[in-house]
């Protein structure tokens, strides 16, 4: 087999392939064995029609498409491998010659991984990220715990305040007409939560039990329902109940209720330790993001659209899987969010493109620096996964191999090793 290629536009290449006539003959023979099982010829049982009679009745040309289907995938794969190309999309195939006794010639146009022209990636200056825990952060964490363990008490009289849980009826109108989804009875709304249209909750503050009020708001321009986006609306609101949170005191009893510690000081010390650990991790992640972003910004290349589409597909599928773990599906998500798949994909596109660009640069740096994944690296990674999922290393290796994901695991390890290389060779300022 002969295979040559040339670049015809950025990341688009054309591959010319010629397969020997002997292989064409073998493929036609194989195609006959397949097709003859389905052919009805008077006087012969299925699968027993002699080759000569078959060809005189149907023509050898009737076998060509099946023979091409047999030859093409293997020939294309061999051509790609022989020329060291990495396709990122399905090829566009043009068959130029196929006939009994002749070689098989075809052209394939396909987008390949772009060649990355690296810029500076060693000695990059990365801003230091503080991992110190401020008193304000400790106070905020304690307040969140207080809110989580707060008791609700019914307010008999007096105005609703920010933070109260109110039970209301509301009926919405746009241009004097009721609109779908704008009416509810005895709806629980936490004032200040930001869960309603901007301006709505603020106007409920100050109402008292039994009050009626016209709440005037304007739907945001970006509102998911196009028939309401940017339009002024009036909601007729009645307030039925007010419930107010009663926060527990921050004392030793509180510490005993929410933790295994006997005193508030012990609990705060543990809280500081955990916050510090979390901030340390966040600081490392921030430095990783910064160093990769800088290395990517210094590189020059164009990415094929198909790579962004593929990454977006992966992100949508991953999002769907996470929804399933929460007991939800995509249809319900679209219904609750007021979005559709096109909107979701548009939101993910920017992140997908950034992921593709970053990964291509990291792969190029790994290649330039000879960063490889050793068997020791694989064993260490599988050991970590074994502890995390409580499954043996051998079982996990078998699962990754059977699912065809062992190479993906190697790629993940390689990317992490390359990021560590960038960090080790960066400067903190």
Protein backbone atom coordinates (compact mmCIF):
# COMPACT_ATOMS: atom_id res chain seq x y z
CA UNK A 1 0.00 0.00 0.00
CA UNK A 2 1.16 3.52 -0.80
CA UNK A 3 0.03 6.60 1.12
CA UNK A 4 1.13 10.23 0.76
CA UNK A 5 -0.34 13.39 2.20
CA UNK A 6 -0.23 17.16 1.92
CA UNK A 7 -1.60 20.06 3.91
CA UNK A 8 -4.24 21.94 1.96
CA UNK A 9 -5.51 24.47 4.51
CA UNK A 10 -4.43 25.08 8.11
CA UNK A 11 -5.30 21.79 9.83
CA UNK A 12 -6.94 20.17 6.79
CA UNK A 13 -4.89 17.51 5.00
CA UNK A 14 -5.43 15.43 1.88
CA UNK A 15 -4.23 11.81 1.89
CA UNK A 16 -3.79 9.84 -1.33
CA UNK A 17 -3.93 6.06 -0.84
CA UNK A 18 -3.35 3.21 -3.28
CA UNK A 19 -4.10 -0.38 -2.26
CA UNK A 20 -2.54 -3.29 -4.18
CA UNK A 21 -4.69 -5.15 -6.74
CA UNK A 22 -4.18 -8.42 -4.84
CA UNK A 23 -5.95 -6.97 -1.79
CA UNK A 24 -8.75 -5.72 -4.04
CA UNK A 25 -9.23 -9.25 -5.39
CA UNK A 26 -9.27 -10.68 -1.85
CA UNK A 27 -11.82 -8.07 -0.75
CA UNK A 28 -14.10 -8.86 -3.71
CA UNK A 29 -13.88 -12.55 -2.83
CA UNK A 30 -14.81 -11.75 0.76
CA UNK A 31 -17.68 -9.55 -0.42
CA UNK A 32 -19.02 -12.40 -2.59
CA UNK A 33 -19.08 -14.75 0.42
CA UNK A 34 -21.11 -12.17 2.31
CA UNK A 35 -23.53 -11.19 -0.47
CA UNK A 36 -24.22 -14.69 -1.78
CA UNK A 37 -25.84 -15.59 1.56
CA UNK A 38 -28.66 -13.13 0.79
CA UNK A 39 -29.18 -13.77 -2.95
CA UNK A 40 -32.11 -15.71 -4.37
CA UNK A 41 -31.40 -17.47 -7.68
CA UNK A 42 -33.86 -20.05 -9.04
CA UNK A 43 -32.46 -23.56 -8.82
CA UNK A 44 -29.98 -22.77 -6.03
CA UNK A 45 -30.24 -22.61 -2.28
CA UNK A 46 -29.13 -19.41 -0.56
CA UNK A 47 -25.37 -19.32 -0.23
CA UNK A 48 -24.86 -22.02 -2.87
CA UNK A 49 -24.91 -19.90 -6.07
CA UNK A 50 -21.69 -20.50 -8.06
CA UNK A 51 -19.48 -17.43 -8.46
CA UNK A 52 -19.66 -17.51 -12.28
CA UNK A 53 -23.46 -17.61 -12.35
CA UNK A 54 -23.66 -14.84 -9.75
CA UNK A 55 -21.36 -12.54 -11.76
CA UNK A 56 -23.09 -13.28 -15.07
CA UNK A 57 -26.47 -12.49 -13.50
CA UNK A 58 -25.60 -9.52 -11.29
CA UNK A 59 -22.17 -8.39 -12.54
CA UNK A 60 -18.98 -8.28 -10.54
CA UNK A 61 -19.64 -4.56 -10.02
CA UNK A 62 -22.43 -5.48 -7.60
CA UNK A 63 -19.71 -6.58 -5.17
CA UNK A 64 -17.67 -3.39 -5.35
CA UNK A 65 -19.38 -1.39 -2.59
CA UNK A 66 -19.16 -4.25 -0.10
CA UNK A 67 -15.51 -4.80 -1.05
CA UNK A 68 -14.78 -1.07 -0.57
CA UNK A 69 -16.47 -1.21 2.85
CA UNK A 70 -14.15 -4.10 3.74
CA UNK A 71 -10.93 -2.47 2.46
CA UNK A 72 -11.41 1.21 3.26
CA UNK A 73 -11.33 1.29 7.09
CA UNK A 74 -8.14 -0.75 7.33
CA UNK A 75 -6.43 1.10 4.46
CA UNK A 76 -7.34 4.49 5.92
CA UNK A 77 -6.10 3.50 9.40
CA UNK A 78 -2.81 2.20 7.97
CA UNK A 79 -2.33 5.41 5.96
CA UNK A 80 -2.93 7.56 9.04
CA UNK A 81 -0.55 5.50 11.16
CA UNK A 82 2.18 5.32 8.49
CA UNK A 83 2.20 9.12 8.12
CA UNK A 84 1.95 9.92 11.82
CA UNK A 85 -1.29 11.88 11.44
CA UNK A 86 -3.83 12.44 14.24
CA UNK A 87 -7.33 12.99 12.78
CA UNK A 88 -9.85 14.89 14.91
CA UNK A 89 -12.89 14.34 12.69
CA UNK A 90 -14.38 11.87 10.25
CA UNK A 91 -12.71 11.91 6.82
CA UNK A 92 -14.31 12.95 3.56
CA UNK A 93 -13.61 10.04 1.19
CA UNK A 94 -13.39 10.26 -2.61
CA UNK A 95 -12.98 6.90 -4.40
CA UNK A 96 -10.96 7.45 -7.58
CA UNK A 97 -10.48 3.88 -8.78
CA UNK A 98 -11.89 0.50 -7.88
CA UNK A 99 -12.20 -2.46 -10.24
CA UNK A 100 -11.36 -6.12 -10.40
CA UNK A 101 -7.71 -6.62 -11.36
CA UNK A 102 -6.80 -2.98 -10.56
CA UNK A 103 -5.47 -1.22 -7.51
CA UNK A 104 -7.84 0.68 -5.22
CA UNK A 105 -7.21 4.44 -5.19
CA UNK A 106 -8.93 6.94 -2.94
CA UNK A 107 -8.40 10.38 -1.43
CA UNK A 108 -9.28 11.30 2.13
CA UNK A 109 -9.65 14.87 3.39
CA UNK A 110 -9.60 15.18 7.15
CA UNK A 111 -8.86 17.70 9.89
CA UNK A 112 -5.89 16.75 12.08
CA UNK A 113 -4.54 17.96 15.38
CA UNK A 114 -2.96 21.36 14.86
CA UNK A 115 0.76 21.94 15.07
CA UNK A 116 1.35 24.06 18.15
CA UNK A 117 4.06 26.71 17.96
CA UNK A 118 5.07 27.07 21.60
CA UNK A 119 6.03 30.39 23.11
CA UNK A 120 7.72 30.90 26.45
CA UNK A 121 6.56 28.35 28.99
CA UNK A 122 9.49 28.21 31.42
CA UNK A 123 10.10 30.87 34.00
CA UNK A 124 6.53 32.19 33.79
CA UNK A 125 5.70 34.71 36.51
CA UNK A 126 2.71 33.64 38.59
CA UNK A 127 1.14 35.83 41.25
CA UNK A 128 1.25 34.42 44.77
CA UNK A 129 -2.12 33.36 46.14
CA UNK A 130 -2.69 33.83 49.85
CA UNK A 131 -3.90 30.75 51.73
CA UNK A 132 -4.22 32.53 55.07
CA UNK A 133 -7.57 32.22 56.83
CA UNK A 134 -9.03 35.60 57.83
CA UNK A 135 -11.23 36.16 60.86
CA UNK A 136 -14.00 37.27 58.51
CA UNK A 137 -13.93 33.88 56.78
CA UNK A 138 -14.24 32.04 60.09
CA UNK A 139 -17.13 34.28 61.09
CA UNK A 140 -18.85 33.73 57.75
CA UNK A 141 -18.48 29.95 58.08
CA UNK A 142 -19.93 30.02 61.59
CA UNK A 143 -22.82 32.17 60.36
CA UNK A 144 -23.57 29.66 57.60
CA UNK A 145 -23.72 26.94 60.25
CA UNK A 146 -26.02 29.09 62.37
CA UNK A 147 -28.30 29.64 59.38
CA UNK A 148 -28.33 25.90 58.67
CA UNK A 149 -29.37 25.10 62.26
CA UNK A 150 -31.72 28.04 62.70
CA UNK A 151 -35.24 27.53 64.04
CA UNK A 152 -38.25 29.14 62.36
CA UNK A 153 -40.72 31.02 64.51
CA UNK A 154 -44.04 32.41 63.30
CA UNK A 155 -44.28 36.22 63.40
CA UNK A 156 -47.77 37.23 64.53
CA UNK A 157 -47.48 40.93 63.82
CA UNK A 158 -45.13 43.49 62.38
CA UNK A 159 -43.58 43.98 58.94
CA UNK A 160 -41.69 41.33 56.95
CA UNK A 161 -37.91 41.74 57.10
CA UNK A 162 -35.06 40.71 54.86
CA UNK A 163 -34.23 37.08 55.64
CA UNK A 164 -37.81 36.16 56.62
CA UNK A 165 -39.66 33.23 55.04
CA UNK A 166 -42.93 34.61 53.69
CA UNK A 167 -45.96 32.67 52.43
CA UNK A 168 -47.60 34.60 49.62
CA UNK A 169 -50.12 34.45 46.77
CA UNK A 170 -49.07 36.19 43.59
CA UNK A 171 -50.69 36.78 40.22
CA UNK A 172 -48.63 38.37 37.43
CA UNK A 173 -49.77 40.58 34.54
CA UNK A 174 -47.94 41.94 31.49
CA UNK A 175 -49.76 44.58 29.42
CA UNK A 176 -52.84 43.89 31.55
CA UNK A 177 -52.91 40.20 30.64
CA UNK A 178 -52.10 37.22 32.85
CA UNK A 179 -49.13 35.18 31.65
CA UNK A 180 -48.35 31.49 31.97
CA UNK A 181 -46.40 30.55 35.10
CA UNK A 182 -47.05 33.90 36.75
CA UNK A 183 -49.57 32.71 39.34
CA UNK A 184 -49.17 30.72 42.57
CA UNK A 185 -50.86 30.33 45.93
CA UNK A 186 -49.22 30.00 49.34
CA UNK A 187 -45.74 30.12 47.86
CA UNK A 188 -42.82 30.11 50.35
CA UNK A 189 -40.35 32.88 49.49
CA UNK A 190 -37.23 33.76 51.47
CA UNK A 191 -36.76 37.51 51.24
CA UNK A 192 -33.25 38.42 50.15
CA UNK A 193 -32.59 35.04 48.52
CA UNK A 194 -32.59 36.54 45.02
CA UNK A 195 -34.76 33.69 43.74
CA UNK A 196 -37.39 35.99 42.21
CA UNK A 197 -37.21 38.69 39.56
CA UNK A 198 -34.96 41.59 40.65
CA UNK A 199 -36.96 44.09 42.71
CA UNK A 200 -39.74 41.70 43.71
CA UNK A 201 -38.47 40.57 47.12
CA UNK A 202 -37.46 44.09 48.12
CA UNK A 203 -41.07 45.26 47.69
CA UNK A 204 -42.43 42.43 49.85
CA UNK A 205 -40.19 43.65 52.69
CA UNK A 206 -42.37 45.86 54.92
CA UNK A 207 -45.66 44.09 54.14
CA UNK A 208 -47.64 42.72 57.07
CA UNK A 209 -49.87 39.65 57.41
CA UNK A 210 -53.07 40.12 55.39
CA UNK A 211 -51.63 42.96 53.27
CA UNK A 212 -52.30 43.22 49.52
CA UNK A 213 -49.81 45.00 47.26
CA UNK A 214 -49.10 45.57 43.57
CA UNK A 215 -45.43 44.74 43.05
CA UNK A 216 -44.05 46.38 39.91
CA UNK A 217 -40.97 44.86 38.30
CA UNK A 218 -39.28 44.55 34.91
CA UNK A 219 -38.20 41.18 33.54
CA UNK A 220 -34.47 41.05 32.71
CA UNK A 221 -33.53 41.31 29.02
CA UNK A 222 -31.88 37.90 29.36
CA UNK A 223 -35.01 36.23 30.80
CA UNK A 224 -35.47 32.71 29.39
CA UNK A 225 -39.05 33.33 28.22
CA UNK A 226 -38.70 35.56 25.16
CA UNK A 227 -42.31 36.81 25.40
CA UNK A 228 -41.50 38.30 28.84
CA UNK A 229 -37.86 39.40 28.45
CA UNK A 230 -37.42 43.11 29.11
CA UNK A 231 -41.12 43.75 29.76
CA UNK A 232 -42.62 45.54 32.79
CA UNK A 233 -44.96 43.43 34.91
CA UNK A 234 -47.33 43.87 37.83
CA UNK A 235 -47.77 41.15 40.44
CA UNK A 236 -50.78 41.28 42.74
CA UNK A 237 -49.40 39.94 46.03
CA UNK A 238 -51.11 38.86 49.25
CA UNK A 239 -49.04 38.04 52.34
CA UNK A 240 -50.36 35.14 54.45
CA UNK A 241 -47.54 34.24 56.87
CA UNK A 242 -44.16 35.43 58.09
CA UNK A 243 -41.63 33.07 59.58
CA UNK A 244 -38.40 34.38 61.07
CA UNK A 245 -35.17 32.53 61.63
CA UNK A 246 -33.93 32.29 65.20
CA UNK A 247 -30.18 31.70 65.14
CA UNK A 248 -28.61 29.53 67.85
CA UNK A 249 -26.04 31.17 70.12
CA UNK A 250 -22.39 30.58 69.30
CA UNK A 251 -21.34 28.77 72.46
CA UNK A 252 -20.07 25.41 73.68
CA UNK A 253 -23.55 23.87 73.38
CA UNK A 254 -23.67 24.87 69.71
CA UNK A 255 -20.26 23.24 69.14
CA UNK A 256 -21.51 20.02 70.76
CA UNK A 257 -24.63 20.02 68.57
CA UNK A 258 -22.81 20.47 65.24
CA UNK A 259 -19.53 18.62 65.87
CA UNK A 260 -17.71 16.08 67.99
CA UNK A 261 -16.02 18.83 70.04
CA UNK A 262 -16.93 19.88 73.58
CA UNK A 263 -16.05 23.56 73.33
CA UNK A 264 -16.51 26.31 70.76
CA UNK A 265 -12.77 27.09 70.82
CA UNK A 266 -11.91 23.49 69.93
CA UNK A 267 -14.44 23.54 67.14
CA UNK A 268 -13.13 26.87 65.79
CA UNK A 269 -9.56 25.51 65.80
CA UNK A 270 -10.70 22.51 63.74
CA UNK A 271 -12.65 24.82 61.45
CA UNK A 272 -9.56 26.98 60.88
CA UNK A 273 -7.54 23.86 60.06
CA UNK A 274 -10.09 22.67 57.51
CA UNK A 275 -10.45 26.14 55.97
CA UNK A 276 -6.66 26.36 55.70
CA UNK A 277 -6.51 22.98 53.98
CA UNK A 278 -9.21 24.04 51.54
CA UNK A 279 -7.52 27.36 50.80
CA UNK A 280 -4.21 25.61 50.26
CA UNK A 281 -5.88 23.42 47.62
CA UNK A 282 -7.57 26.45 46.05
CA UNK A 283 -4.24 28.29 45.94
CA UNK A 284 -2.59 25.37 44.13
CA UNK A 285 -5.47 25.18 41.67
CA UNK A 286 -5.30 28.94 41.07
CA UNK A 287 -1.57 28.72 40.32
CA UNK A 288 -2.14 25.74 38.00
CA UNK A 289 -4.82 27.64 36.07
CA UNK A 290 -2.63 30.74 35.86
CA UNK A 291 0.49 28.96 34.60
CA UNK A 292 -1.44 26.95 31.98
CA UNK A 293 -3.30 30.07 30.81
CA UNK A 294 -0.01 31.93 30.38
CA UNK A 295 1.64 29.08 28.49
CA UNK A 296 -1.41 28.80 26.23
CA UNK A 297 -1.55 32.54 25.59
CA UNK A 298 2.08 32.45 24.43
CA UNK A 299 1.46 29.65 21.91
CA UNK A 300 0.33 30.08 18.30
CA UNK A 301 -2.10 27.71 16.56
CA UNK A 302 -5.63 27.37 15.24
CA UNK A 303 -7.99 24.66 16.41
CA UNK A 304 -10.44 22.83 14.12
CA UNK A 305 -14.09 23.46 14.88
CA UNK A 306 -14.66 19.70 15.16
CA UNK A 307 -12.43 19.55 18.25
CA UNK A 308 -14.55 22.18 20.00
CA UNK A 309 -17.74 20.34 19.01
CA UNK A 310 -16.38 17.03 20.32
CA UNK A 311 -15.35 18.59 23.64
CA UNK A 312 -18.75 20.28 23.96
CA UNK A 313 -20.40 16.89 23.32
CA UNK A 314 -18.31 15.42 26.14
CA UNK A 315 -19.23 18.26 28.52
CA UNK A 316 -22.96 17.91 27.77
CA UNK A 317 -22.77 14.15 28.36
CA UNK A 318 -20.87 14.66 31.61
CA UNK A 319 -23.49 17.22 32.72
CA UNK A 320 -26.25 14.73 31.90
CA UNK A 321 -24.54 12.02 33.97
CA UNK A 322 -24.24 14.37 36.96
CA UNK A 323 -27.94 15.23 36.66
CA UNK A 324 -28.79 11.51 36.72
CA UNK A 325 -26.81 11.12 39.95
CA UNK A 326 -29.09 13.80 41.42
CA UNK A 327 -32.22 12.01 40.24
CA UNK A 328 -32.89 14.39 37.34
CA UNK A 329 -32.76 14.10 33.55
CA UNK A 330 -32.11 16.57 30.75
CA UNK A 331 -35.78 17.05 29.88
CA UNK A 332 -36.57 18.11 33.45
CA UNK A 333 -33.53 20.38 33.52
CA UNK A 334 -34.60 22.13 30.32
CA UNK A 335 -38.11 22.50 31.71
CA UNK A 336 -36.98 23.99 35.03
CA UNK A 337 -34.26 26.22 33.55
CA UNK A 338 -36.28 27.45 30.58
CA UNK A 339 -33.37 26.51 28.31
CA UNK A 340 -32.91 24.06 25.48
CA UNK A 341 -29.90 22.08 24.24
CA UNK A 342 -28.72 24.84 21.91
CA UNK A 343 -28.57 27.35 24.78
CA UNK A 344 -26.74 24.87 27.03
CA UNK A 345 -24.20 24.07 24.31
CA UNK A 346 -23.66 27.79 23.64
CA UNK A 347 -22.94 28.33 27.34
CA UNK A 348 -20.42 25.47 27.38
CA UNK A 349 -18.68 26.37 24.12
CA UNK A 350 -16.25 28.90 25.60
CA UNK A 351 -15.07 26.47 28.28
CA UNK A 352 -14.85 23.68 25.70
CA UNK A 353 -12.62 25.77 23.44
CA UNK A 354 -10.41 26.74 26.38
CA UNK A 355 -10.02 23.09 27.42
CA UNK A 356 -9.03 22.08 23.89
CA UNK A 357 -6.48 24.89 23.60
CA UNK A 358 -4.96 24.18 27.02
CA UNK A 359 -4.72 20.43 26.40
CA UNK A 360 -3.06 20.90 23.01
CA UNK A 361 -0.44 23.21 24.53
CA UNK A 362 0.21 20.83 27.43
CA UNK A 363 0.60 17.92 24.98
CA UNK A 364 3.09 19.96 22.94
CA UNK A 365 5.09 20.88 26.06
CA UNK A 366 5.12 17.23 27.22
CA UNK A 367 6.47 16.22 23.81
CA UNK A 368 9.08 18.99 23.79
CA UNK A 369 10.28 18.11 27.30
CA UNK A 370 10.09 14.34 26.92
CA UNK A 371 7.52 14.00 29.70
CA UNK A 372 6.25 10.41 29.64
CA UNK A 373 3.96 8.26 31.75
CA UNK A 374 5.85 5.36 33.30
CA UNK A 375 4.43 2.09 34.56
CA UNK A 376 5.23 3.39 38.04
CA UNK A 377 3.05 6.45 37.37
CA UNK A 378 0.21 4.19 36.25
CA UNK A 379 0.54 1.97 39.30
CA UNK A 380 0.49 4.99 41.62
CA UNK A 381 -2.60 6.42 39.95
CA UNK A 382 -4.45 3.10 40.05
CA UNK A 383 -3.53 2.75 43.73
CA UNK A 384 -5.15 6.14 44.45
CA UNK A 385 -8.27 5.15 42.52
CA UNK A 386 -8.32 1.82 44.34
CA UNK A 387 -8.51 3.57 47.71
CA UNK A 388 -11.09 6.08 46.47
CA UNK A 389 -13.46 3.48 44.99
CA UNK A 390 -12.62 0.55 47.28
CA UNK A 391 -11.76 -1.75 44.35
CA UNK A 392 -8.56 -3.65 43.66
CA UNK A 393 -5.87 -2.25 41.40
CA UNK A 394 -6.13 -5.29 39.12
CA UNK A 395 -9.90 -4.89 38.82
CA UNK A 396 -9.60 -1.19 37.94
CA UNK A 397 -6.86 -1.84 35.38
CA UNK A 398 -9.07 -4.50 33.77
CA UNK A 399 -12.06 -2.12 33.68
CA UNK A 400 -10.04 0.68 32.08
CA UNK A 401 -8.57 -1.73 29.53
CA UNK A 402 -11.89 -3.36 28.61
CA UNK A 403 -13.60 0.03 28.22
CA UNK A 404 -10.78 1.34 26.07
CA UNK A 405 -10.04 4.10 28.61
CA UNK A 406 -6.50 3.12 29.61
CA UNK A 407 -5.04 5.63 27.13
CA UNK A 408 -7.32 8.35 28.50
CA UNK A 409 -5.97 7.61 31.97
CA UNK A 410 -2.41 7.93 30.65
CA UNK A 411 -3.29 11.26 29.02
CA UNK A 412 -4.70 12.58 32.30
CA UNK A 413 -1.52 11.60 34.15
CA UNK A 414 0.63 13.18 31.43
CA UNK A 415 -1.31 16.46 31.62
CA UNK A 416 -0.91 16.60 35.41
CA UNK A 417 2.83 15.85 35.16
CA UNK A 418 3.20 18.62 32.58
CA UNK A 419 1.33 21.12 34.77
CA UNK A 420 3.63 20.20 37.68
CA UNK A 421 6.61 20.75 35.35
CA UNK A 422 5.32 24.25 34.51
CA UNK A 423 4.82 25.07 38.20
CA UNK A 424 8.27 23.82 39.12
CA UNK A 425 9.76 26.02 36.42
CA UNK A 426 7.67 29.14 37.21
CA UNK A 427 8.40 32.19 39.35
CA UNK A 428 6.13 33.39 42.13
CA UNK A 429 5.77 37.18 42.26
